[in-house]
Amino acid sequence: MMSVVPTTHVYHRHLDPESQDSLARLARQIRPGSRVLDLGTGPGVLGRYLSETLGCAVDGVEYNPVAVAEAGPWYRHLECADLESITLSACFAGQSYDFIICADVLEHLRQPGAILAQLPALLAPQGRVLLSVPNVAYAGLIAELLAGDFRYRPEGLLDNTHLRFFTHASLLRLLEEHGLRTVALEATIMELHHSEFTAHWIDGGWAETLPVEVIRALLDRPEALVYQFIVSAAPANEADAMDAANETHVIAVPADAVAAAQATLTARLAARSLPVRTALTVAIVSYAPDLTVLRTVLERLGQALQLAEGRGQAIQMQLLLVDNGPGPDWREPLRNLLETVEWPVPIELKLLSGHGNIGYGAGHNVALNHSTGEFHLILNPDVLLEEDALIEGLAFLVAHSEAGLIAPAVWDGSGQRRDLCKRYPTLLDLALRGFAPSWLRQRFQQRLDRYELRDQIGDTVYWNPPIVSGCFMLCRRSVLEQVGGFRPEYFLYFEDFDLSLRLAAVTRLAYVPTVRVVHLGGHAARKGLRHIRLFLRAAVKFFNRHGWRWW
């Protein structure tokens, strides 16, 4: 690493090429046999790996003579010079490089732009500048600043020798101002309890004294847990040509960093505010259910309760099973099922029967009228919860008071991922998804992927999906009551579409991938003509109310 004065600390690091630290990630981007210029070599850890393992021709610059003496054997040409004043084209005349590396260097320079401006001229065609810098917008550093401290340390984000500080936006801007454009962005993630700020995070300090709103503001940012940014940059003219050939793309914070920040936020706010007992009502509407499957559904609920109890997050659960028939003969089998399932903790069980087949939405409204929980789970009789689904879902709702409904990540019985959040439908989307043969669906796959939000939804929290599936809806009971529950006129199908749109007017919806379920049902077109007629009738009601979209 670059040092400010010749006698300062030499940064000894170990390079494990399979690790996730910044040096290893930079090394993995370098092709064997490349020509490399390493700026701020330190004692030559990277240079040794590149020359010995990858067979690269490596040149370098280092200011600290002690580090130069250690690094010398691994470099073809190693200058002992100050990056603040060096003219690279003079020191490395006639050379061009496939990669120029600035590994944790720019933050040590008073004018990092001066060295960056020299790099495009030294790059070979298709050459890249690879660099890593610490992220000054890291949650722990900002929190310490809010607590009135700005503490330099021997190493870390506020290393004693750091002179310049960068965020995601300011780093990209600095590169562009000096002839370079970012073409790829990675990040190293540092959980707070592993950082130099761990004492404040684990033992109290600002993590306990800052208001909930501040904790949310700190962690509800994509870069909150990014410790270092790792950038691959190209000369601006080459990047412009790439954009012309392949549509311009936005360099965003990586999804794994976003997911880590959201998970940390959820856990911290839930730990601060989760009641000793969380009141939850689970409502299941059945119509001639497969009793074996339903028993498994209930047993999986029991396992989720047991896990919550074991983690000290007890759930006071009310289970409402609504019997929609057919006919009166299902009451006793369902009652027997409820009585014979073994529950790990005491729960309130109710079988609501005798009203006949009033439809899915109306059946859930019957349950809502008997619900006592602060939170209300609308659950299909063929949906199996993963063991931690309740913990994750309730923790998210407690941590995010603005959220009124969450949708889970869903798999089918064969282990295939199902994308059940959707954009507002068109008639063509519904026809293709529900009734088209597979060969025709394949021709419209890009359109269907967009309808199912596959271009937006991944492994991170996604806010405000327009439509969520009714097979699992974890809600605040207050918002369900505010909109009057389901509209019963849909009978079956589209009641969840309608409810999603009405809930979105009074609260926020969120897709939370850490809440995971398996849905064994679906596919109206495969259930016969009666279900197709019900589907089409409900579709007409939906579009008449919310607006027709044909294509």
Protein backbone atom coordinates (compact mmCIF):
# COMPACT_ATOMS: atom_id res chain seq x y z
CA MET A 1 0.00 0.00 0.00
CA MET A 2 1.19 3.54 -0.73
CA SER A 3 2.87 5.31 2.21
CA VAL A 4 3.10 9.05 2.79
CA VAL A 5 6.65 9.20 4.20
CA PRO A 6 9.52 6.78 3.71
CA THR A 7 9.66 5.65 7.34
CA THR A 8 5.94 5.03 7.89
CA HIS A 9 4.22 1.73 8.53
CA VAL A 10 4.67 -1.02 5.95
CA TYR A 11 1.31 -2.69 5.22
CA HIS A 12 1.90 -6.42 5.33
CA ARG A 13 -1.02 -8.37 3.92
CA HIS A 14 -1.67 -11.98 3.03
CA LEU A 15 -3.09 -12.73 -0.38
CA ASP A 16 -5.49 -15.65 -0.49
CA PRO A 17 -6.66 -15.71 -4.13
CA GLU A 18 -9.97 -17.35 -3.13
CA SER A 19 -10.89 -14.84 -0.40
CA GLN A 20 -13.31 -11.93 -0.67
CA ASP A 21 -10.98 -9.13 0.38
CA SER A 22 -10.10 -6.34 -2.01
CA LEU A 23 -6.61 -7.57 -2.93
CA ALA A 24 -7.88 -11.03 -3.89
CA ARG A 25 -10.77 -9.56 -5.89
CA LEU A 26 -8.36 -7.36 -7.81
CA ALA A 27 -6.02 -10.28 -8.42
CA ARG A 28 -8.85 -12.41 -9.83
CA GLN A 29 -9.49 -9.82 -12.53
CA ILE A 30 -5.97 -10.10 -13.94
CA ARG A 31 -5.34 -12.53 -16.77
CA PRO A 32 -2.25 -14.77 -16.72
CA GLY A 33 0.67 -13.35 -18.70
CA SER A 34 -0.59 -9.76 -18.53
CA ARG A 35 1.55 -6.66 -18.38
CA VAL A 36 0.81 -4.94 -15.08
CA LEU A 37 1.75 -1.64 -13.45
CA ASP A 38 1.27 -1.75 -9.66
CA LEU A 39 1.08 1.71 -8.07
CA GLY A 40 1.80 1.70 -4.34
CA THR A 41 3.22 -1.80 -4.18
CA GLY A 42 3.85 -1.98 -0.45
CA PRO A 43 6.09 -4.99 0.33
CA GLY A 44 5.10 -6.70 -2.94
CA VAL A 45 2.35 -9.10 -1.84
CA LEU A 46 0.33 -8.61 -5.03
CA GLY A 47 3.39 -8.36 -7.27
CA ARG A 48 4.72 -11.68 -6.00
CA TYR A 49 1.42 -13.45 -6.72
CA LEU A 50 1.14 -11.91 -10.19
CA SER A 51 4.67 -12.79 -11.22
CA GLU A 52 5.03 -16.21 -9.54
CA THR A 53 1.52 -17.62 -10.01
CA LEU A 54 0.14 -15.81 -13.07
CA GLY A 55 3.41 -15.26 -14.96
CA CYS A 56 2.76 -11.56 -15.41
CA ALA A 57 5.36 -8.93 -16.27
CA VAL A 58 4.98 -6.52 -13.35
CA ASP A 59 6.36 -3.02 -12.91
CA GLY A 60 5.68 -0.86 -9.85
CA VAL A 61 6.03 2.34 -7.86
CA GLU A 62 6.49 2.57 -4.08
CA TYR A 63 7.55 5.51 -1.88
CA ASN A 64 8.70 3.62 1.23
CA PRO A 65 12.29 2.35 0.76
CA VAL A 66 11.79 -0.40 3.37
CA ALA A 67 8.85 -1.74 1.35
CA VAL A 68 10.81 -1.31 -1.90
CA ALA A 69 13.60 -3.52 -0.52
CA GLU A 70 11.08 -6.27 0.30
CA ALA A 71 9.16 -6.00 -2.97
CA GLY A 72 12.10 -5.69 -5.36
CA PRO A 73 12.52 -9.37 -6.31
CA TRP A 74 8.96 -9.63 -7.69
CA TYR A 75 9.06 -6.65 -10.05
CA ARG A 76 10.68 -6.21 -13.44
CA HIS A 77 11.11 -2.47 -12.84
CA LEU A 78 10.32 -0.96 -9.41
CA GLU A 79 10.62 2.82 -8.91
CA CYS A 80 11.14 4.23 -5.42
CA ALA A 81 9.24 7.47 -5.96
CA ASP A 82 6.43 9.68 -4.68
CA LEU A 83 3.17 9.24 -6.58
CA GLU A 84 2.36 12.86 -5.82
CA SER A 85 5.17 14.05 -8.10
CA ILE A 86 6.11 11.17 -10.44
CA THR A 87 5.74 11.40 -14.21
CA LEU A 88 4.82 7.85 -15.13
CA SER A 89 5.37 8.23 -18.86
CA ALA A 90 8.99 9.20 -18.20
CA CYS A 91 9.70 6.40 -15.72
CA PHE A 92 8.03 3.74 -17.88
CA ALA A 93 8.74 5.14 -21.33
CA GLY A 94 7.59 2.94 -24.20
CA GLN A 95 5.53 0.66 -21.96
CA SER A 96 1.81 -0.07 -22.20
CA TYR A 97 -0.11 -2.13 -19.69
CA ASP A 98 -3.06 -4.46 -19.74
CA PHE A 99 -3.79 -3.54 -16.12
CA ILE A 100 -2.81 -0.64 -13.88
CA ILE A 101 -3.52 -1.32 -10.21
CA CYS A 102 -4.16 1.20 -7.44
CA ALA A 103 -4.88 -1.06 -4.46
CA ASP A 104 -5.82 1.14 -1.48
CA VAL A 105 -3.68 4.01 -2.76
CA LEU A 106 -5.81 7.00 -3.74
CA GLU A 107 -6.90 7.73 -0.18
CA HIS A 108 -3.23 8.38 0.76
CA LEU A 109 -2.72 11.09 -1.87
CA ARG A 110 -3.39 14.80 -1.55
CA GLN A 111 -4.23 15.05 -5.26
CA PRO A 112 -5.26 11.59 -6.49
CA GLY A 113 -6.58 13.10 -9.72
CA ALA A 114 -3.04 13.98 -10.80
CA ILE A 115 -1.99 10.33 -10.95
CA LEU A 116 -5.32 9.16 -12.42
CA ALA A 117 -4.99 11.61 -15.31
CA GLN A 118 -1.72 9.94 -16.36
CA LEU A 119 -3.16 6.41 -16.59
CA PRO A 120 -5.17 6.35 -19.86
CA ALA A 121 -2.01 7.04 -21.91
CA LEU A 122 -0.26 4.02 -20.36
CA LEU A 123 -3.04 1.52 -21.04
CA ALA A 124 -2.87 -0.94 -23.90
CA PRO A 125 -5.99 -1.32 -26.08
CA GLN A 126 -8.74 -2.89 -23.91
CA GLY A 127 -6.59 -2.17 -20.87
CA ARG A 128 -8.15 -1.51 -17.48
CA VAL A 129 -7.41 0.48 -14.35
CA LEU A 130 -8.23 -1.59 -11.26
CA LEU A 131 -8.52 0.18 -7.95
CA SER A 132 -9.88 -0.18 -4.44
CA VAL A 133 -10.74 2.59 -1.99
CA PRO A 134 -12.42 2.67 1.44
CA ASN A 135 -16.02 3.86 1.66
CA VAL A 136 -16.43 6.87 3.93
CA ALA A 137 -20.22 6.37 3.85
CA TYR A 138 -19.87 3.12 5.84
CA ALA A 139 -22.59 3.01 8.51
CA GLY A 140 -20.20 2.64 11.43
CA LEU A 141 -18.12 5.65 10.45
CA ILE A 142 -21.17 7.88 9.96
CA ALA A 143 -22.66 6.74 13.26
CA GLU A 144 -19.43 7.52 15.08
CA LEU A 145 -19.45 10.98 13.49
CA LEU A 146 -23.07 11.50 14.60
CA ALA A 147 -21.96 10.55 18.12
CA GLY A 148 -19.45 13.41 17.96
CA ASP A 149 -16.28 11.44 17.19
CA PHE A 150 -13.96 11.15 14.17
CA ARG A 151 -11.30 8.76 15.41
CA TYR A 152 -8.21 7.99 13.37
CA ARG A 153 -6.70 4.54 13.92
CA PRO A 154 -3.52 2.70 12.86
CA GLU A 155 -5.48 0.97 10.08
CA GLY A 156 -9.05 0.86 8.83
CA LEU A 157 -11.37 3.40 7.23
CA LEU A 158 -9.75 6.24 9.18
CA ASP A 159 -6.18 5.06 8.83
CA ASN A 160 -3.77 7.65 10.27
CA THR A 161 -2.31 8.21 6.78
CA HIS A 162 -5.58 8.70 4.87
CA LEU A 163 -5.84 12.15 3.33
CA ARG A 164 -8.79 11.79 0.93
CA PHE A 165 -12.19 10.15 1.45
CA PHE A 166 -14.60 8.69 -1.08
CA THR A 167 -18.20 7.61 -1.48
CA HIS A 168 -19.66 5.61 -4.36
CA ALA A 169 -20.71 8.77 -6.21
CA SER A 170 -17.61 10.85 -5.52
CA LEU A 171 -15.26 8.05 -6.62
CA LEU A 172 -17.01 7.61 -9.96
CA ARG A 173 -17.05 11.37 -10.43
CA LEU A 174 -13.30 11.66 -9.71
CA LEU A 175 -12.53 9.01 -12.32
CA GLU A 176 -14.67 10.70 -14.97
CA GLU A 177 -13.04 14.07 -14.28
CA HIS A 178 -9.69 12.52 -15.16
CA GLY A 179 -10.51 10.59 -18.32
CA LEU A 180 -11.68 7.27 -16.90
CA ARG A 181 -15.11 5.65 -16.83
CA THR A 182 -16.20 2.87 -14.48
CA VAL A 183 -17.19 -0.30 -16.35
CA ALA A 184 -17.60 -2.66 -13.37
CA LEU A 185 -18.11 -2.21 -9.66
CA GLU A 186 -17.65 -4.66 -6.81
CA ALA A 187 -17.63 -4.16 -3.06
CA THR A 188 -16.21 -5.75 0.05
CA ILE A 189 -18.84 -6.05 2.76
CA MET A 190 -17.95 -5.66 6.42
CA GLU A 191 -20.56 -6.53 9.03
CA LEU A 192 -20.52 -3.97 11.82
CA HIS A 193 -19.66 -6.53 14.48
CA HIS A 194 -16.48 -7.38 12.54
CA SER A 195 -15.39 -3.77 11.99
CA GLU A 196 -13.41 -1.32 14.09
CA PHE A 197 -16.78 0.00 15.30
CA THR A 198 -17.81 -3.33 16.87
CA ALA A 199 -17.73 -2.11 20.49
CA HIS A 200 -20.42 0.46 19.80
CA TRP A 201 -22.50 -2.04 17.83
CA ILE A 202 -22.37 -5.00 20.23
CA ASP A 203 -21.97 -3.46 23.67
CA GLY A 204 -24.35 -0.52 23.36
CA GLY A 205 -22.94 2.91 22.58
CA TRP A 206 -24.51 4.72 19.65
CA ALA A 207 -26.23 1.54 18.40
CA GLU A 208 -28.49 1.69 21.47
CA THR A 209 -28.73 5.45 22.02
CA LEU A 210 -29.40 6.70 18.48
CA PRO A 211 -33.12 7.00 17.66
CA VAL A 212 -34.72 4.24 15.58
CA GLU A 213 -35.19 6.70 12.72
CA VAL A 214 -31.45 7.38 12.65
CA ILE A 215 -30.54 3.68 12.69
CA ARG A 216 -32.92 3.19 9.78
CA ALA A 217 -31.40 6.12 7.88
CA LEU A 218 -27.89 4.74 8.47
CA LEU A 219 -28.60 1.21 7.28
CA ASP A 220 -31.37 1.71 4.75
CA ARG A 221 -28.82 2.72 2.10
CA PRO A 222 -27.31 0.40 -0.53
CA GLU A 223 -23.71 1.23 0.48
CA ALA A 224 -24.28 1.10 4.25
CA LEU A 225 -22.08 -1.99 4.82
CA VAL A 226 -19.70 -1.48 1.89
CA TYR A 227 -16.23 -1.24 3.43
CA GLN A 228 -14.34 -0.82 0.15
CA PHE A 229 -15.31 -0.19 -3.44
CA ILE A 230 -13.47 -2.15 -6.14
CA VAL A 231 -13.60 -0.56 -9.57
CA SER A 232 -12.60 -1.55 -13.06
CA ALA A 233 -12.28 1.55 -15.25
CA ALA A 234 -11.53 2.15 -18.91
CA PRO A 235 -10.45 5.29 -20.79
CA ALA A 236 -13.53 7.44 -21.34
CA ASN A 237 -13.42 7.19 -25.15
CA GLU A 238 -13.31 3.38 -24.99
CA ALA A 239 -16.14 3.29 -22.45
CA ASP A 240 -18.23 5.53 -24.72
CA ALA A 241 -17.70 3.07 -27.57
CA MET A 242 -18.77 0.19 -25.30
CA ASP A 243 -21.94 2.10 -24.40
CA ALA A 244 -22.70 2.67 -28.06
CA ALA A 245 -22.37 -1.03 -28.81
CA ASN A 246 -24.11 -2.28 -25.67
CA GLU A 247 -26.78 -0.10 -24.09
CA THR A 248 -25.57 2.36 -21.46
CA HIS A 249 -25.74 0.79 -18.02
CA VAL A 250 -25.80 2.27 -14.54
CA ILE A 251 -22.99 1.22 -12.21
CA ALA A 252 -24.92 0.40 -9.05
CA VAL A 253 -23.91 -0.87 -5.65
CA PRO A 254 -23.80 -4.71 -5.86
CA ALA A 255 -26.91 -6.58 -4.79
CA ASP A 256 -25.12 -8.58 -2.08
CA ALA A 257 -24.13 -5.35 -0.35
CA VAL A 258 -27.73 -4.09 -0.50
CA ALA A 259 -28.99 -7.40 0.92
CA ALA A 260 -26.46 -7.33 3.78
CA ALA A 261 -27.48 -3.80 4.77
CA GLN A 262 -31.18 -4.68 4.71
CA ALA A 263 -30.64 -7.82 6.79
CA THR A 264 -28.61 -5.90 9.37
CA LEU A 265 -31.24 -3.17 9.54
CA THR A 266 -34.04 -5.68 10.04
CA ALA A 267 -32.16 -7.57 12.75
CA ARG A 268 -31.11 -4.44 14.67
CA LEU A 269 -34.51 -2.77 14.66
CA ALA A 270 -36.27 -6.01 15.49
CA ALA A 271 -33.90 -6.63 18.41
CA ARG A 272 -34.63 -3.14 19.74
CA SER A 273 -38.38 -3.21 19.31
CA LEU A 274 -39.71 -6.77 18.96
CA PRO A 275 -42.20 -7.40 21.76
CA VAL A 276 -41.69 -10.28 24.17
CA ARG A 277 -44.72 -11.87 22.53
CA THR A 278 -45.85 -11.02 19.01
CA ALA A 279 -49.57 -11.51 18.36
CA LEU A 280 -50.17 -13.22 15.01
CA THR A 281 -53.35 -14.57 13.43
CA VAL A 282 -52.94 -17.17 10.67
CA ALA A 283 -56.01 -17.53 8.44
CA ILE A 284 -56.49 -20.50 6.10
CA VAL A 285 -59.55 -20.89 3.84
CA SER A 286 -60.15 -24.46 2.68
CA TYR A 287 -62.39 -26.06 0.06
CA ALA A 288 -62.13 -29.86 -0.11
CA PRO A 289 -58.45 -29.74 0.87
CA ASP A 290 -55.96 -32.58 0.67
CA LEU A 291 -55.88 -33.36 4.39
CA THR A 292 -52.39 -34.84 4.20
CA VAL A 293 -51.04 -31.64 2.64
CA LEU A 294 -52.98 -29.49 5.10
CA ARG A 295 -51.56 -31.45 8.03
CA THR A 296 -48.06 -30.79 6.67
CA VAL A 297 -48.89 -27.07 6.34
CA LEU A 298 -49.94 -26.97 10.00
CA GLU A 299 -46.92 -28.96 11.15
CA ARG A 300 -44.62 -26.54 9.34
CA LEU A 301 -46.38 -23.69 11.13
CA GLY A 302 -45.62 -25.50 14.37
CA GLN A 303 -41.95 -25.79 13.46
CA ALA A 304 -41.81 -22.05 12.74
CA LEU A 305 -43.35 -21.34 16.16
CA GLN A 306 -40.87 -23.64 17.85
CA LEU A 307 -37.89 -21.92 16.21
CA ALA A 308 -39.20 -18.51 17.26
CA GLU A 309 -39.64 -19.75 20.82
CA GLY A 310 -36.10 -21.11 20.83
CA ARG A 311 -34.73 -17.74 19.74
CA GLY A 312 -36.61 -15.88 22.45
CA GLN A 313 -39.10 -14.35 19.98
CA ALA A 314 -42.29 -16.02 21.14
CA ILE A 315 -45.31 -15.73 18.87
CA GLN A 316 -48.77 -15.72 20.40
CA MET A 317 -50.63 -17.40 17.56
CA GLN A 318 -54.30 -17.62 16.71
CA LEU A 319 -55.12 -20.12 13.94
CA LEU A 320 -58.40 -19.63 12.08
CA LEU A 321 -59.39 -22.42 9.67
CA VAL A 322 -62.32 -21.35 7.49
CA ASP A 323 -64.34 -24.26 6.08
CA ASN A 324 -65.86 -23.35 2.72
CA GLY A 325 -67.07 -26.92 2.13
CA PRO A 326 -68.19 -28.38 -0.20
CA GLY A 327 -71.22 -29.19 1.92
CA PRO A 328 -71.32 -29.81 5.68
CA ASP A 329 -69.32 -33.06 5.64
CA TRP A 330 -65.93 -31.38 5.92
CA ARG A 331 -66.47 -29.91 9.37
CA GLU A 332 -65.61 -33.05 11.35
CA PRO A 333 -62.52 -34.09 9.34
CA LEU A 334 -61.13 -30.55 9.70
CA ARG A 335 -61.95 -30.42 13.41
CA ASN A 336 -60.24 -33.78 13.89
CA LEU A 337 -57.19 -32.54 12.02
CA LEU A 338 -56.88 -29.46 14.23
CA GLU A 339 -57.20 -31.55 17.38
CA THR A 340 -54.63 -34.15 16.37
CA VAL A 341 -51.83 -31.87 15.17
CA GLU A 342 -49.22 -31.54 17.93
CA TRP A 343 -48.31 -27.92 18.59
CA PRO A 344 -45.00 -27.09 20.32
CA VAL A 345 -46.58 -24.14 22.18
CA PRO A 346 -50.16 -23.35 23.19
CA ILE A 347 -52.13 -21.61 20.44
CA GLU A 348 -55.75 -20.55 19.96
CA LEU A 349 -57.53 -22.79 17.41
CA LYS A 350 -60.84 -21.92 15.75
CA LEU A 351 -62.75 -23.75 13.01
CA LEU A 352 -65.17 -21.38 11.28
CA SER A 353 -67.78 -23.43 9.45
CA GLY A 354 -71.43 -23.56 8.38
CA HIS A 355 -71.47 -20.60 5.96
CA GLY A 356 -71.06 -22.68 2.76
CA ASN A 357 -68.80 -21.89 -0.16
CA ILE A 358 -68.78 -18.09 -0.13
CA GLY A 359 -65.53 -17.79 -2.08
CA TYR A 360 -61.89 -17.32 -1.20
CA GLY A 361 -61.93 -13.60 -0.47
CA ALA A 362 -65.19 -13.68 1.49
CA GLY A 363 -63.90 -16.64 3.48
CA HIS A 364 -60.84 -14.64 4.49
CA ASN A 365 -63.07 -11.75 5.47
CA VAL A 366 -64.84 -14.13 7.88
CA ALA A 367 -61.43 -14.87 9.41
CA LEU A 368 -60.55 -11.16 9.55
CA ASN A 369 -63.71 -10.51 11.57
CA HIS A 370 -62.47 -13.03 14.19
CA SER A 371 -58.80 -11.98 14.06
CA THR A 372 -57.15 -10.70 17.24
CA GLY A 373 -53.48 -10.51 16.19
CA GLU A 374 -51.62 -7.31 15.45
CA PHE A 375 -50.28 -9.16 12.41
CA HIS A 376 -52.44 -11.26 10.09
CA LEU A 377 -51.17 -13.97 7.74
CA ILE A 378 -53.33 -14.94 4.75
CA LEU A 379 -52.15 -18.45 3.93
CA ASN A 380 -53.21 -20.98 1.31
CA PRO A 381 -53.88 -24.56 2.51
CA ASP A 382 -51.09 -25.78 0.20
CA VAL A 383 -48.27 -23.41 1.24
CA LEU A 384 -45.40 -24.77 3.33
CA LEU A 385 -43.36 -22.32 5.40
CA GLU A 386 -39.62 -22.56 5.79
CA GLU A 387 -38.72 -22.80 9.45
CA ASP A 388 -37.61 -19.17 9.83
CA ALA A 389 -40.32 -17.61 7.64
CA LEU A 390 -42.37 -16.24 10.53
CA ILE A 391 -39.34 -14.85 12.36
CA GLU A 392 -38.04 -13.12 9.24
CA GLY A 393 -41.43 -11.77 8.21
CA LEU A 394 -42.44 -10.42 11.60
CA ALA A 395 -38.99 -8.95 12.20
CA PHE A 396 -39.24 -7.07 8.91
CA LEU A 397 -42.66 -5.64 9.73
CA VAL A 398 -41.51 -4.59 13.20
CA ALA A 399 -38.38 -2.95 11.75
CA HIS A 400 -40.30 -1.19 8.95
CA SER A 401 -43.36 0.52 10.34
CA GLU A 402 -44.11 1.89 6.88
CA ALA A 403 -44.69 -1.63 5.50
CA GLY A 404 -48.20 -3.03 5.67
CA LEU A 405 -47.83 -6.21 3.61
CA ILE A 406 -44.90 -8.42 2.68
CA ALA A 407 -44.64 -11.07 0.00
CA PRO A 408 -42.21 -14.01 0.21
CA ALA A 409 -39.79 -15.75 -2.10
CA VAL A 410 -41.71 -18.73 -3.49
CA TRP A 411 -40.71 -22.14 -4.83
CA ASP A 412 -42.99 -24.81 -6.27
CA GLY A 413 -43.11 -28.46 -5.24
CA SER A 414 -40.37 -29.41 -7.71
CA GLY A 415 -37.92 -26.84 -6.34
CA GLN A 416 -38.36 -24.27 -9.12
CA ARG A 417 -38.34 -20.58 -8.17
CA ARG A 418 -41.68 -18.87 -8.87
CA ASP A 419 -41.93 -15.14 -9.42
CA LEU A 420 -45.30 -14.22 -7.97
CA CYS A 421 -44.87 -10.44 -7.75
CA LYS A 422 -46.11 -8.79 -10.93
CA ARG A 423 -46.62 -5.59 -12.83
CA TYR A 424 -50.16 -4.50 -13.66
CA PRO A 425 -51.43 -7.15 -16.11
CA THR A 426 -52.52 -6.87 -19.70
CA LEU A 427 -54.86 -9.36 -21.34
CA LEU A 428 -51.96 -10.63 -23.44
CA ASP A 429 -49.82 -11.22 -20.34
CA LEU A 430 -52.58 -13.24 -18.68
CA ALA A 431 -53.32 -15.27 -21.80
CA LEU A 432 -49.67 -16.11 -22.37
CA ARG A 433 -48.95 -16.96 -18.74
CA GLY A 434 -52.09 -18.98 -18.07
CA PHE A 435 -53.13 -20.62 -21.32
CA ALA A 436 -50.41 -20.48 -24.00
CA PRO A 437 -48.49 -23.66 -24.91
CA SER A 438 -44.88 -23.77 -23.81
CA TRP A 439 -43.46 -23.10 -27.29
CA LEU A 440 -45.47 -19.88 -27.56
CA ARG A 441 -44.54 -18.76 -24.04
CA GLN A 442 -40.89 -19.19 -24.95
CA ARG A 443 -41.29 -16.78 -27.86
CA PHE A 444 -42.66 -14.18 -25.44
CA GLN A 445 -40.35 -15.04 -22.56
CA GLN A 446 -38.82 -11.56 -22.36
CA ARG A 447 -42.28 -10.03 -22.07
CA LEU A 448 -43.34 -12.53 -19.39
CA ASP A 449 -40.12 -11.94 -17.46
CA ARG A 450 -40.91 -8.24 -17.39
CA TYR A 451 -44.51 -8.90 -16.29
CA GLU A 452 -43.19 -11.05 -13.43
CA LEU A 453 -40.67 -8.31 -12.48
CA ARG A 454 -37.66 -10.52 -13.14
CA ASP A 455 -35.81 -7.46 -14.41
CA GLN A 456 -36.29 -5.85 -10.98
CA ILE A 457 -36.55 -8.51 -8.31
CA GLY A 458 -33.59 -10.51 -7.06
CA ASP A 459 -32.25 -11.52 -3.69
CA THR A 460 -32.78 -8.16 -2.02
CA VAL A 461 -35.82 -6.41 -0.58
CA TYR A 462 -37.95 -4.90 -3.35
CA TRP A 463 -40.36 -2.14 -2.34
CA ASN A 464 -43.77 -1.50 -3.85
CA PRO A 465 -44.38 -4.37 -6.28
CA PRO A 466 -47.71 -3.48 -7.95
CA ILE A 467 -49.25 -6.95 -7.49
CA VAL A 468 -48.42 -9.69 -4.98
CA SER A 469 -49.70 -13.24 -4.80
CA GLY A 470 -52.48 -14.17 -2.37
CA CYS A 471 -50.97 -17.53 -1.43
CA PHE A 472 -49.00 -15.87 1.39
CA MET A 473 -49.73 -12.31 2.51
CA LEU A 474 -48.29 -11.24 5.86
CA CYS A 475 -50.05 -8.02 6.82
CA ARG A 476 -50.74 -5.61 9.59
CA ARG A 477 -54.33 -6.31 10.58
CA SER A 478 -54.97 -2.57 10.85
CA VAL A 479 -54.32 -1.96 7.13
CA LEU A 480 -56.50 -4.91 6.10
CA GLU A 481 -59.33 -3.51 8.19
CA GLN A 482 -58.68 -0.03 6.77
CA VAL A 483 -59.41 -1.22 3.21
CA GLY A 484 -62.21 -3.60 4.27
CA GLY A 485 -60.38 -6.83 3.47
CA PHE A 486 -61.04 -8.63 0.20
CA ARG A 487 -63.81 -7.66 -2.20
CA PRO A 488 -66.05 -10.76 -2.09
CA GLU A 489 -67.43 -10.34 -5.61
CA TYR A 490 -64.32 -11.94 -7.10
CA PHE A 491 -65.20 -15.32 -5.51
CA LEU A 492 -61.97 -16.91 -6.79
CA TYR A 493 -59.01 -15.35 -8.67
CA PHE A 494 -57.97 -11.68 -8.90
CA GLU A 495 -58.98 -10.94 -5.32
CA ASP A 496 -55.26 -10.68 -4.49
CA PHE A 497 -54.64 -8.36 -7.47
CA ASP A 498 -57.43 -6.09 -6.30
CA LEU A 499 -56.31 -6.16 -2.66
CA SER A 500 -52.70 -5.34 -3.64
CA LEU A 501 -53.76 -2.21 -5.49
CA ARG A 502 -56.03 -1.04 -2.67
CA LEU A 503 -53.43 -1.69 0.03
CA ALA A 504 -50.79 0.20 -1.98
CA ALA A 505 -52.96 3.31 -1.62
CA VAL A 506 -52.67 3.25 2.19
CA THR A 507 -49.39 1.46 2.97
CA ARG A 508 -46.20 0.09 1.40
CA LEU A 509 -45.84 -3.41 -0.01
CA ALA A 510 -42.49 -5.20 0.07
CA TYR A 511 -41.02 -8.36 -1.40
CA VAL A 512 -38.77 -9.87 1.30
CA PRO A 513 -36.67 -12.78 -0.05
CA THR A 514 -35.55 -13.97 3.40
CA VAL A 515 -39.17 -15.04 3.94
CA ARG A 516 -39.32 -18.33 2.01
CA VAL A 517 -42.25 -20.64 1.25
CA VAL A 518 -43.16 -23.55 -1.02
CA HIS A 519 -46.46 -23.27 -2.92
CA LEU A 520 -47.79 -26.60 -4.14
CA GLY A 521 -50.80 -25.24 -6.09
CA GLY A 522 -51.71 -22.62 -8.68
CA HIS A 523 -52.30 -22.97 -12.45
CA ALA A 524 -55.99 -22.24 -13.01
CA ALA A 525 -55.86 -23.51 -16.61
CA ARG A 526 -54.90 -27.01 -15.42
CA LYS A 527 -57.90 -27.34 -13.09
CA GLY A 528 -60.58 -27.69 -15.75
CA LEU A 529 -63.22 -25.62 -17.49
CA ARG A 530 -64.95 -24.48 -14.29
CA HIS A 531 -61.78 -22.81 -13.05
CA ILE A 532 -61.15 -21.24 -16.45
CA ARG A 533 -64.66 -19.74 -16.37
CA LEU A 534 -64.09 -18.44 -12.82
CA PHE A 535 -60.76 -16.97 -13.87
CA LEU A 536 -62.21 -15.17 -16.90
CA ARG A 537 -65.21 -13.86 -14.95
CA ALA A 538 -62.93 -12.46 -12.23
CA ALA A 539 -60.61 -10.94 -14.84
CA VAL A 540 -63.52 -9.01 -16.37
CA LYS A 541 -64.50 -7.69 -12.92
CA PHE A 542 -60.90 -6.65 -12.22
CA PHE A 543 -60.36 -4.82 -15.50
CA ASN A 544 -63.78 -3.15 -15.37
CA ARG A 545 -62.87 -1.74 -11.97
CA HIS A 546 -59.18 -0.88 -12.44
CA GLY A 547 -58.82 -0.32 -16.16
CA TRP A 548 -58.33 -2.47 -19.26
CA ARG A 549 -54.91 -3.00 -20.76
CA TRP A 550 -54.87 -5.15 -23.85
CA TRP A 551 -51.23 -5.43 -24.91
